[in-house]
Amino acid sequence: MRKCSLFIFAILFGEQLYAQNIDLYLTLLEKGRLDEVKLNLPELLNRYPDEAGVYFLQAMVNDNGDASLIQFRDFINKFPNSPFASRAGMKIGEYLFSRGLYSQASVQFKAVLFKYPQGDHHQRALDLMVNSYFATGEEDSAKAALRTIKQLYPSLKYLQYGIEGLDNSRRKAKLVKLDPSAISNRIKSAKAKRKDVVPKRIPKPWVIQVGAFGKYDNANRLKKQLQGNGYATEVHTVNSNGKRLHAVRIVRFETKESADKIGRKLKKKFGLDFRVINNPE
């Protein structure tokens, strides 16, 4: 009986120790102590070869972004019900966003919001999803997605996006008598109009430049900080007085006024000086 009790205690203690280890290493990563986690990872893989948290750590410390992306995707396929699955999904979206792959990023963040109702990542996923849509000029798609997501997460912050018409209140349906011949004529007329109408692309020539650095690493560091706060940010190489600089820019806006408004917010929040530049696509 005593041996059985000791065995059960060892199992429970081992599981508790494992959970503490993972939380400890994730805290170390948040503090930037990457090398310390890397040093202990082989031992974790040896002691807990089938644990989801260890595989998640392995993807987190991978220096190769493309390889890390593959690891996070494999992780979700292998451990779809893990508490780390939502974080892996966020990491995939953040990587796509940082690479400027905004169409893929918007799809990824939308999937994260629908697949993982638990956790504290929802507002950040929503912010990055909306900014991904804005970066590709898909305001209508952003609005459609927000209308649905608002039903799932009504407590999130939606007013900050400046999108109207997100109220999903249902209107009372009314019965209307339809004339089949009239409907047929309307359909024919609509089809004829669609053939003649060419979708007009709205130009967005304005960008906000918040810095220009001689070293790419400094520009990239600022870019990641802004992207982490939900801004669609890019780094562009420019020449100034014979010098090669790396300009950090928030993209893109229809009007100078809308760009200037965001620039003032950036200055107030981060203390960044800015310039609004006309830089057509």
C-alpha atoms as a PDB file:
ATOM      1  CA  MET A   1       0.000   0.000   0.000  1.00  0.00           C
ATOM      2  CA  ARG A   2       2.863   2.332   0.894  1.00  0.00           C
ATOM      3  CA  LYS A   3       4.648   1.589  -2.393  1.00  0.00           C
ATOM      4  CA  CYS A   4       1.482   2.381  -4.330  1.00  0.00           C
ATOM      5  CA  SER A   5       1.138   5.700  -2.500  1.00  0.00           C
ATOM      6  CA  LEU A   6       4.747   6.579  -3.211  1.00  0.00           C
ATOM      7  CA  PHE A   7       4.253   5.729  -6.884  1.00  0.00           C
ATOM      8  CA  ILE A   8       1.194   7.980  -7.155  1.00  0.00           C
ATOM      9  CA  PHE A   9       3.031  10.763  -5.330  1.00  0.00           C
ATOM     10  CA  ALA A  10       5.957  10.487  -7.735  1.00  0.00           C
ATOM     11  CA  ILE A  11       3.644  10.756 -10.732  1.00  0.00           C
ATOM     12  CA  LEU A  12       1.819  13.783  -9.351  1.00  0.00           C
ATOM     13  CA  PHE A  13       5.041  15.431  -8.254  1.00  0.00           C
ATOM     14  CA  GLY A  14       6.594  14.792 -11.654  1.00  0.00           C
ATOM     15  CA  GLU A  15       3.636  16.374 -13.475  1.00  0.00           C
ATOM     16  CA  GLN A  16       3.714  19.373 -11.148  1.00  0.00           C
ATOM     17  CA  LEU A  17       7.463  19.767 -11.621  1.00  0.00           C
ATOM     18  CA  TYR A  18       7.028  19.580 -15.399  1.00  0.00           C
ATOM     19  CA  ALA A  19       4.385  22.311 -15.417  1.00  0.00           C
ATOM     20  CA  GLN A  20       6.570  24.499 -13.180  1.00  0.00           C
ATOM     21  CA  ASN A  21       9.541  23.970 -15.498  1.00  0.00           C
ATOM     22  CA  ILE A  22       7.606  25.075 -18.578  1.00  0.00           C
ATOM     23  CA  ASP A  23       6.230  28.170 -16.833  1.00  0.00           C
ATOM     24  CA  LEU A  24       9.702  29.002 -15.590  1.00  0.00           C
ATOM     25  CA  TYR A  25      11.273  28.775 -19.041  1.00  0.00           C
ATOM     26  CA  LEU A  26       8.479  30.805 -20.656  1.00  0.00           C
ATOM     27  CA  THR A  27       9.099  33.507 -18.039  1.00  0.00           C
ATOM     28  CA  LEU A  28      12.801  33.438 -18.874  1.00  0.00           C
ATOM     29  CA  LEU A  29      11.972  33.909 -22.565  1.00  0.00           C
ATOM     30  CA  GLU A  30       9.773  36.904 -21.751  1.00  0.00           C
ATOM     31  CA  LYS A  31      12.760  38.406 -19.927  1.00  0.00           C
ATOM     32  CA  GLY A  32      15.002  37.849 -22.947  1.00  0.00           C
ATOM     33  CA  ARG A  33      17.090  35.066 -21.385  1.00  0.00           C
ATOM     34  CA  LEU A  34      17.046  32.967 -24.536  1.00  0.00           C
ATOM     35  CA  ASP A  35      20.468  31.345 -24.085  1.00  0.00           C
ATOM     36  CA  GLU A  36      19.505  30.039 -20.659  1.00  0.00           C
ATOM     37  CA  VAL A  37      16.446  28.275 -22.066  1.00  0.00           C
ATOM     38  CA  LYS A  38      18.441  26.858 -24.984  1.00  0.00           C
ATOM     39  CA  LEU A  39      20.984  25.453 -22.560  1.00  0.00           C
ATOM     40  CA  ASN A  40      18.334  23.503 -20.642  1.00  0.00           C
ATOM     41  CA  LEU A  41      16.206  22.426 -23.615  1.00  0.00           C
ATOM     42  CA  PRO A  42      18.104  19.158 -24.402  1.00  0.00           C
ATOM     43  CA  GLU A  43      17.508  17.941 -20.841  1.00  0.00           C
ATOM     44  CA  LEU A  44      13.806  18.796 -21.066  1.00  0.00           C
ATOM     45  CA  LEU A  45      13.488  16.914 -24.364  1.00  0.00           C
ATOM     46  CA  ASN A  46      15.195  13.923 -22.771  1.00  0.00           C
ATOM     47  CA  ARG A  47      13.068  13.924 -19.607  1.00  0.00           C
ATOM     48  CA  TYR A  48       9.710  14.838 -21.211  1.00  0.00           C
ATOM     49  CA  PRO A  49       9.912  13.561 -24.823  1.00  0.00           C
ATOM     50  CA  ASP A  50       6.141  13.515 -25.370  1.00  0.00           C
ATOM     51  CA  GLU A  51       5.091  16.728 -23.633  1.00  0.00           C
ATOM     52  CA  ALA A  52       3.538  19.537 -25.673  1.00  0.00           C
ATOM     53  CA  GLY A  53       5.118  22.320 -23.635  1.00  0.00           C
ATOM     54  CA  VAL A  54       8.639  21.160 -24.440  1.00  0.00           C
ATOM     55  CA  TYR A  55       7.943  21.156 -28.176  1.00  0.00           C
ATOM     56  CA  PHE A  56       6.476  24.632 -27.838  1.00  0.00           C
ATOM     57  CA  LEU A  57       9.654  25.836 -26.137  1.00  0.00           C
ATOM     58  CA  GLN A  58      11.719  24.272 -28.915  1.00  0.00           C
ATOM     59  CA  ALA A  59       9.849  26.323 -31.530  1.00  0.00           C
ATOM     60  CA  MET A  60      10.115  29.469 -29.399  1.00  0.00           C
ATOM     61  CA  VAL A  61      13.922  29.369 -29.210  1.00  0.00           C
ATOM     62  CA  ASN A  62      14.504  28.583 -32.876  1.00  0.00           C
ATOM     63  CA  ASP A  63      16.550  31.403 -34.443  1.00  0.00           C
ATOM     64  CA  ASN A  64      15.398  30.568 -37.959  1.00  0.00           C
ATOM     65  CA  GLY A  65      12.032  32.237 -38.550  1.00  0.00           C
ATOM     66  CA  ASP A  66      10.952  29.978 -41.404  1.00  0.00           C
ATOM     67  CA  ALA A  67      11.924  26.827 -39.498  1.00  0.00           C
ATOM     68  CA  SER A  68      10.165  28.113 -36.394  1.00  0.00           C
ATOM     69  CA  LEU A  69       7.019  28.725 -38.461  1.00  0.00           C
ATOM     70  CA  ILE A  70       7.061  25.084 -39.576  1.00  0.00           C
ATOM     71  CA  GLN A  71       7.559  23.932 -35.986  1.00  0.00           C
ATOM     72  CA  PHE A  72       4.595  25.951 -34.725  1.00  0.00           C
ATOM     73  CA  ARG A  73       2.378  24.524 -37.475  1.00  0.00           C
ATOM     74  CA  ASP A  74       3.551  20.982 -36.715  1.00  0.00           C
ATOM     75  CA  PHE A  75       2.940  21.640 -33.036  1.00  0.00           C
ATOM     76  CA  ILE A  76      -0.706  22.608 -33.650  1.00  0.00           C
ATOM     77  CA  ASN A  77      -1.230  19.501 -35.782  1.00  0.00           C
ATOM     78  CA  LYS A  78       0.323  17.256 -33.133  1.00  0.00           C
ATOM     79  CA  PHE A  79      -1.151  18.928 -30.034  1.00  0.00           C
ATOM     80  CA  PRO A  80      -4.383  20.636 -31.171  1.00  0.00           C
ATOM     81  CA  ASN A  81      -5.882  20.588 -27.668  1.00  0.00           C
ATOM     82  CA  SER A  82      -2.798  21.808 -25.839  1.00  0.00           C
ATOM     83  CA  PRO A  83      -3.103  25.055 -23.842  1.00  0.00           C
ATOM     84  CA  PHE A  84      -0.109  26.218 -25.901  1.00  0.00           C
ATOM     85  CA  ALA A  85      -1.915  25.719 -29.242  1.00  0.00           C
ATOM     86  CA  SER A  86      -3.445  29.200 -29.202  1.00  0.00           C
ATOM     87  CA  ARG A  87      -0.051  30.754 -28.468  1.00  0.00           C
ATOM     88  CA  ALA A  88       1.461  28.801 -31.333  1.00  0.00           C
ATOM     89  CA  GLY A  89      -1.304  30.112 -33.592  1.00  0.00           C
ATOM     90  CA  MET A  90      -0.516  33.669 -32.488  1.00  0.00           C
ATOM     91  CA  LYS A  91       3.192  33.162 -33.177  1.00  0.00           C
ATOM     92  CA  ILE A  92       2.382  32.040 -36.723  1.00  0.00           C
ATOM     93  CA  GLY A  93       0.252  35.134 -37.292  1.00  0.00           C
ATOM     94  CA  GLU A  94       2.862  37.461 -35.790  1.00  0.00           C
ATOM     95  CA  TYR A  95       5.557  35.984 -38.035  1.00  0.00           C
ATOM     96  CA  LEU A  96       3.421  36.469 -41.163  1.00  0.00           C
ATOM     97  CA  PHE A  97       2.589  40.015 -40.078  1.00  0.00           C
ATOM     98  CA  SER A  98       6.258  40.867 -39.458  1.00  0.00           C
ATOM     99  CA  ARG A  99       7.145  39.611 -42.946  1.00  0.00           C
ATOM    100  CA  GLY A 100       4.516  41.865 -44.510  1.00  0.00           C
ATOM    101  CA  LEU A 101       2.371  38.887 -45.557  1.00  0.00           C
ATOM    102  CA  TYR A 102      -0.754  40.693 -44.454  1.00  0.00           C
ATOM    103  CA  SER A 103      -3.327  38.655 -46.398  1.00  0.00           C
ATOM    104  CA  GLN A 104      -2.091  35.432 -44.803  1.00  0.00           C
ATOM    105  CA  ALA A 105      -1.788  37.121 -41.426  1.00  0.00           C
ATOM    106  CA  SER A 106      -5.416  38.317 -41.438  1.00  0.00           C
ATOM    107  CA  VAL A 107      -6.606  34.779 -42.191  1.00  0.00           C
ATOM    108  CA  GLN A 108      -4.407  33.356 -39.422  1.00  0.00           C
ATOM    109  CA  PHE A 109      -5.513  35.787 -36.704  1.00  0.00           C
ATOM    110  CA  LYS A 110      -9.150  35.286 -37.669  1.00  0.00           C
ATOM    111  CA  ALA A 111      -8.679  31.510 -37.332  1.00  0.00           C
ATOM    112  CA  VAL A 112      -7.070  31.958 -33.902  1.00  0.00           C
ATOM    113  CA  LEU A 113     -10.062  33.956 -32.674  1.00  0.00           C
ATOM    114  CA  PHE A 114     -12.517  31.319 -33.839  1.00  0.00           C
ATOM    115  CA  LYS A 115     -10.533  28.237 -32.769  1.00  0.00           C
ATOM    116  CA  TYR A 116      -9.322  29.306 -29.326  1.00  0.00           C
ATOM    117  CA  PRO A 117     -12.028  30.966 -27.208  1.00  0.00           C
ATOM    118  CA  GLN A 118      -9.933  30.529 -24.055  1.00  0.00           C
ATOM    119  CA  GLY A 119      -6.926  32.667 -23.190  1.00  0.00           C
ATOM    120  CA  ASP A 120      -5.860  36.297 -22.980  1.00  0.00           C
ATOM    121  CA  HIS A 121      -4.746  36.775 -26.596  1.00  0.00           C
ATOM    122  CA  HIS A 122      -8.044  37.865 -28.161  1.00  0.00           C
ATOM    123  CA  GLN A 123      -7.597  41.652 -28.188  1.00  0.00           C
ATOM    124  CA  ARG A 124      -4.099  41.425 -29.649  1.00  0.00           C
ATOM    125  CA  ALA A 125      -5.269  38.926 -32.284  1.00  0.00           C
ATOM    126  CA  LEU A 126      -8.134  41.271 -33.153  1.00  0.00           C
ATOM    127  CA  ASP A 127      -5.837  44.309 -33.415  1.00  0.00           C
ATOM    128  CA  LEU A 128      -3.371  42.545 -35.684  1.00  0.00           C
ATOM    129  CA  MET A 129      -6.146  41.031 -37.817  1.00  0.00           C
ATOM    130  CA  VAL A 130      -7.732  44.450 -38.431  1.00  0.00           C
ATOM    131  CA  ASN A 131      -4.380  46.073 -39.206  1.00  0.00           C
ATOM    132  CA  SER A 132      -3.596  43.259 -41.634  1.00  0.00           C
ATOM    133  CA  TYR A 133      -6.855  43.933 -43.450  1.00  0.00           C
ATOM    134  CA  PHE A 134      -6.141  47.668 -43.463  1.00  0.00           C
ATOM    135  CA  ALA A 135      -2.650  47.094 -44.863  1.00  0.00           C
ATOM    136  CA  THR A 136      -4.145  45.333 -47.901  1.00  0.00           C
ATOM    137  CA  GLY A 137      -7.011  47.776 -48.322  1.00  0.00           C
ATOM    138  CA  GLU A 138      -9.657  45.229 -47.296  1.00  0.00           C
ATOM    139  CA  GLU A 139     -11.776  47.405 -45.023  1.00  0.00           C
ATOM    140  CA  ASP A 140     -14.960  45.610 -46.110  1.00  0.00           C
ATOM    141  CA  SER A 141     -13.455  42.249 -45.163  1.00  0.00           C
ATOM    142  CA  ALA A 142     -12.389  43.686 -41.804  1.00  0.00           C
ATOM    143  CA  LYS A 143     -15.923  44.932 -41.182  1.00  0.00           C
ATOM    144  CA  ALA A 144     -17.478  41.571 -42.094  1.00  0.00           C
ATOM    145  CA  ALA A 145     -15.064  39.719 -39.808  1.00  0.00           C
ATOM    146  CA  LEU A 146     -15.631  42.119 -36.916  1.00  0.00           C
ATOM    147  CA  ARG A 147     -19.411  41.783 -37.149  1.00  0.00           C
ATOM    148  CA  THR A 148     -19.090  38.042 -36.575  1.00  0.00           C
ATOM    149  CA  ILE A 149     -16.319  38.208 -33.978  1.00  0.00           C
ATOM    150  CA  LYS A 150     -18.227  40.807 -31.961  1.00  0.00           C
ATOM    151  CA  GLN A 151     -20.910  38.200 -31.350  1.00  0.00           C
ATOM    152  CA  LEU A 152     -18.271  35.850 -29.888  1.00  0.00           C
ATOM    153  CA  TYR A 153     -16.313  38.457 -27.910  1.00  0.00           C
ATOM    154  CA  PRO A 154     -18.614  41.405 -27.163  1.00  0.00           C
ATOM    155  CA  SER A 155     -16.311  42.776 -24.431  1.00  0.00           C
ATOM    156  CA  LEU A 156     -13.352  43.479 -26.738  1.00  0.00           C
ATOM    157  CA  LYS A 157     -12.532  47.029 -27.888  1.00  0.00           C
ATOM    158  CA  TYR A 158     -14.016  47.727 -31.322  1.00  0.00           C
ATOM    159  CA  LEU A 159     -14.517  51.507 -31.412  1.00  0.00           C
ATOM    160  CA  GLN A 160     -10.776  52.160 -31.822  1.00  0.00           C
ATOM    161  CA  TYR A 161     -10.847  50.868 -35.410  1.00  0.00           C
ATOM    162  CA  GLY A 162     -13.200  53.597 -36.593  1.00  0.00           C
ATOM    163  CA  ILE A 163     -15.466  51.138 -38.412  1.00  0.00           C
ATOM    164  CA  GLU A 164     -19.165  51.880 -38.318  1.00  0.00           C
ATOM    165  CA  GLY A 165     -22.043  49.464 -38.739  1.00  0.00           C
ATOM    166  CA  LEU A 166     -20.863  46.697 -36.401  1.00  0.00           C
ATOM    167  CA  ASP A 167     -24.235  46.480 -34.665  1.00  0.00           C
ATOM    168  CA  ASN A 168     -25.607  42.978 -35.193  1.00  0.00           C
ATOM    169  CA  SER A 169     -29.044  43.611 -33.728  1.00  0.00           C
ATOM    170  CA  ARG A 170     -31.606  41.652 -35.664  1.00  0.00           C
ATOM    171  CA  ARG A 171     -34.446  43.432 -37.354  1.00  0.00           C
ATOM    172  CA  LYS A 172     -37.934  42.017 -37.406  1.00  0.00           C
ATOM    173  CA  ALA A 173     -38.524  40.223 -40.674  1.00  0.00           C
ATOM    174  CA  LYS A 174     -41.391  41.341 -42.871  1.00  0.00           C
ATOM    175  CA  LEU A 175     -43.246  39.225 -45.405  1.00  0.00           C
ATOM    176  CA  VAL A 176     -43.166  40.741 -48.882  1.00  0.00           C
ATOM    177  CA  LYS A 177     -45.097  39.503 -51.874  1.00  0.00           C
ATOM    178  CA  LEU A 178     -42.679  38.918 -54.726  1.00  0.00           C
ATOM    179  CA  ASP A 179     -43.336  39.174 -58.446  1.00  0.00           C
ATOM    180  CA  PRO A 180     -41.342  36.378 -60.192  1.00  0.00           C
ATOM    181  CA  SER A 181     -41.127  38.283 -63.489  1.00  0.00           C
ATOM    182  CA  ALA A 182     -39.853  41.418 -61.773  1.00  0.00           C
ATOM    183  CA  ILE A 183     -37.178  39.414 -59.937  1.00  0.00           C
ATOM    184  CA  SER A 184     -36.028  37.831 -63.195  1.00  0.00           C
ATOM    185  CA  ASN A 185     -35.684  41.251 -64.840  1.00  0.00           C
ATOM    186  CA  ARG A 186     -33.708  42.607 -61.889  1.00  0.00           C
ATOM    187  CA  ILE A 187     -31.298  39.666 -61.996  1.00  0.00           C
ATOM    188  CA  LYS A 188     -30.716  40.152 -65.725  1.00  0.00           C
ATOM    189  CA  SER A 189     -30.176  43.875 -65.220  1.00  0.00           C
ATOM    190  CA  ALA A 190     -27.723  43.294 -62.363  1.00  0.00           C
ATOM    191  CA  LYS A 191     -25.705  40.812 -64.436  1.00  0.00           C
ATOM    192  CA  ALA A 192     -25.512  43.265 -67.321  1.00  0.00           C
ATOM    193  CA  LYS A 193     -24.256  46.012 -65.015  1.00  0.00           C
ATOM    194  CA  ARG A 194     -21.604  43.738 -63.474  1.00  0.00           C
ATOM    195  CA  LYS A 195     -20.088  43.125 -66.898  1.00  0.00           C
ATOM    196  CA  ASP A 196     -19.659  46.850 -67.460  1.00  0.00           C
ATOM    197  CA  VAL A 197     -18.384  47.817 -64.034  1.00  0.00           C
ATOM    198  CA  VAL A 198     -14.659  47.553 -63.351  1.00  0.00           C
ATOM    199  CA  PRO A 199     -13.835  47.542 -59.623  1.00  0.00           C
ATOM    200  CA  LYS A 200     -12.083  50.768 -58.692  1.00  0.00           C
ATOM    201  CA  ARG A 201      -9.048  50.438 -56.466  1.00  0.00           C
ATOM    202  CA  ILE A 202      -8.779  53.200 -53.905  1.00  0.00           C
ATOM    203  CA  PRO A 203      -5.234  54.630 -53.869  1.00  0.00           C
ATOM    204  CA  LYS A 204      -3.403  54.885 -50.570  1.00  0.00           C
ATOM    205  CA  PRO A 205      -0.338  56.980 -51.295  1.00  0.00           C
ATOM    206  CA  TRP A 206       0.410  58.273 -47.786  1.00  0.00           C
ATOM    207  CA  VAL A 207       2.816  56.686 -45.287  1.00  0.00           C
ATOM    208  CA  ILE A 208       4.155  57.735 -41.890  1.00  0.00           C
ATOM    209  CA  GLN A 209       7.920  57.713 -41.459  1.00  0.00           C
ATOM    210  CA  VAL A 210       8.953  57.453 -37.801  1.00  0.00           C
ATOM    211  CA  GLY A 211      12.698  57.050 -38.147  1.00  0.00           C
ATOM    212  CA  ALA A 212      15.632  56.368 -40.460  1.00  0.00           C
ATOM    213  CA  PHE A 213      18.581  54.317 -39.216  1.00  0.00           C
ATOM    214  CA  GLY A 214      22.017  53.531 -40.542  1.00  0.00           C
ATOM    215  CA  LYS A 215      21.841  50.038 -39.037  1.00  0.00           C
ATOM    216  CA  TYR A 216      19.080  47.705 -40.170  1.00  0.00           C
ATOM    217  CA  ASP A 217      18.901  46.030 -36.741  1.00  0.00           C
ATOM    218  CA  ASN A 218      17.848  49.313 -35.116  1.00  0.00           C
ATOM    219  CA  ALA A 219      15.172  49.883 -37.753  1.00  0.00           C
ATOM    220  CA  ASN A 220      13.952  46.296 -37.437  1.00  0.00           C
ATOM    221  CA  ARG A 221      13.760  46.609 -33.654  1.00  0.00           C
ATOM    222  CA  LEU A 222      11.475  49.642 -33.943  1.00  0.00           C
ATOM    223  CA  LYS A 223       9.419  47.903 -36.630  1.00  0.00           C
ATOM    224  CA  LYS A 224       8.782  44.914 -34.363  1.00  0.00           C
ATOM    225  CA  GLN A 225       7.837  47.175 -31.471  1.00  0.00           C
ATOM    226  CA  LEU A 226       5.242  48.980 -33.576  1.00  0.00           C
ATOM    227  CA  GLN A 227       3.944  45.761 -35.103  1.00  0.00           C
ATOM    228  CA  GLY A 228       3.574  44.375 -31.609  1.00  0.00           C
ATOM    229  CA  ASN A 229       1.261  47.290 -30.872  1.00  0.00           C
ATOM    230  CA  GLY A 230      -0.887  46.584 -33.920  1.00  0.00           C
ATOM    231  CA  TYR A 231       0.599  48.952 -36.538  1.00  0.00           C
ATOM    232  CA  ALA A 232       1.299  47.745 -40.095  1.00  0.00           C
ATOM    233  CA  THR A 233       4.972  48.671 -40.284  1.00  0.00           C
ATOM    234  CA  GLU A 234       7.634  48.193 -42.968  1.00  0.00           C
ATOM    235  CA  VAL A 235      11.338  48.981 -43.358  1.00  0.00           C
ATOM    236  CA  HIS A 236      12.411  50.618 -46.643  1.00  0.00           C
ATOM    237  CA  THR A 237      15.952  51.283 -47.852  1.00  0.00           C
ATOM    238  CA  VAL A 238      16.441  54.929 -48.883  1.00  0.00           C
ATOM    239  CA  ASN A 239      19.387  57.105 -49.940  1.00  0.00           C
ATOM    240  CA  SER A 240      19.966  60.410 -48.174  1.00  0.00           C
ATOM    241  CA  ASN A 241      22.939  62.627 -49.041  1.00  0.00           C
ATOM    242  CA  GLY A 242      24.797  59.647 -50.395  1.00  0.00           C
ATOM    243  CA  LYS A 243      24.109  57.541 -47.306  1.00  0.00           C
ATOM    244  CA  ARG A 244      22.075  54.351 -47.232  1.00  0.00           C
ATOM    245  CA  LEU A 245      19.415  54.474 -44.534  1.00  0.00           C
ATOM    246  CA  HIS A 246      16.674  52.120 -43.355  1.00  0.00           C
ATOM    247  CA  ALA A 247      13.415  54.032 -42.999  1.00  0.00           C
ATOM    248  CA  VAL A 248      10.673  52.736 -40.695  1.00  0.00           C
ATOM    249  CA  ARG A 249       7.232  53.467 -42.108  1.00  0.00           C
ATOM    250  CA  ILE A 250       3.617  52.822 -41.095  1.00  0.00           C
ATOM    251  CA  VAL A 251       1.536  51.986 -44.193  1.00  0.00           C
ATOM    252  CA  ARG A 252      -0.822  52.977 -45.931  1.00  0.00           C
ATOM    253  CA  PHE A 253      -3.417  55.752 -45.822  1.00  0.00           C
ATOM    254  CA  GLU A 254      -5.898  57.291 -48.265  1.00  0.00           C
ATOM    255  CA  THR A 255      -5.469  60.848 -47.024  1.00  0.00           C
ATOM    256  CA  LYS A 256      -2.726  62.920 -45.459  1.00  0.00           C
ATOM    257  CA  GLU A 257      -5.105  63.854 -42.640  1.00  0.00           C
ATOM    258  CA  SER A 258      -5.722  60.215 -41.633  1.00  0.00           C
ATOM    259  CA  ALA A 259      -1.979  59.508 -41.670  1.00  0.00           C
ATOM    260  CA  ASP A 260      -1.252  62.634 -39.631  1.00  0.00           C
ATOM    261  CA  LYS A 261      -3.832  61.582 -37.041  1.00  0.00           C
ATOM    262  CA  ILE A 262      -2.069  58.235 -36.508  1.00  0.00           C
ATOM    263  CA  GLY A 263       1.296  60.016 -36.438  1.00  0.00           C
ATOM    264  CA  ARG A 264       0.138  62.228 -33.561  1.00  0.00           C
ATOM    265  CA  LYS A 265      -1.006  59.139 -31.653  1.00  0.00           C
ATOM    266  CA  LEU A 266       2.415  57.545 -32.147  1.00  0.00           C
ATOM    267  CA  LYS A 267       4.178  60.658 -30.908  1.00  0.00           C
ATOM    268  CA  LYS A 268       1.990  60.833 -27.834  1.00  0.00           C
ATOM    269  CA  LYS A 269       2.304  57.119 -27.028  1.00  0.00           C
ATOM    270  CA  PHE A 270       5.943  56.426 -27.966  1.00  0.00           C
ATOM    271  CA  GLY A 271       7.503  59.887 -28.205  1.00  0.00           C
ATOM    272  CA  LEU A 272       8.376  59.312 -31.870  1.00  0.00           C
ATOM    273  CA  ASP A 273       8.871  62.203 -34.267  1.00  0.00           C
ATOM    274  CA  PHE A 274       7.185  61.537 -37.582  1.00  0.00           C
ATOM    275  CA  ARG A 275       6.782  62.730 -41.147  1.00  0.00           C
ATOM    276  CA  VAL A 276       3.822  62.079 -43.413  1.00  0.00           C
ATOM    277  CA  ILE A 277       5.145  61.243 -46.890  1.00  0.00           C
ATOM    278  CA  ASN A 278       3.400  60.916 -50.227  1.00  0.00           C
ATOM    279  CA  ASN A 279       4.801  57.623 -51.491  1.00  0.00           C
ATOM    280  CA  PRO A 280       2.488  56.103 -54.152  1.00  0.00           C
ATOM    281  CA  GLU A 281       2.354  52.336 -54.420  1.00  0.00           C
END
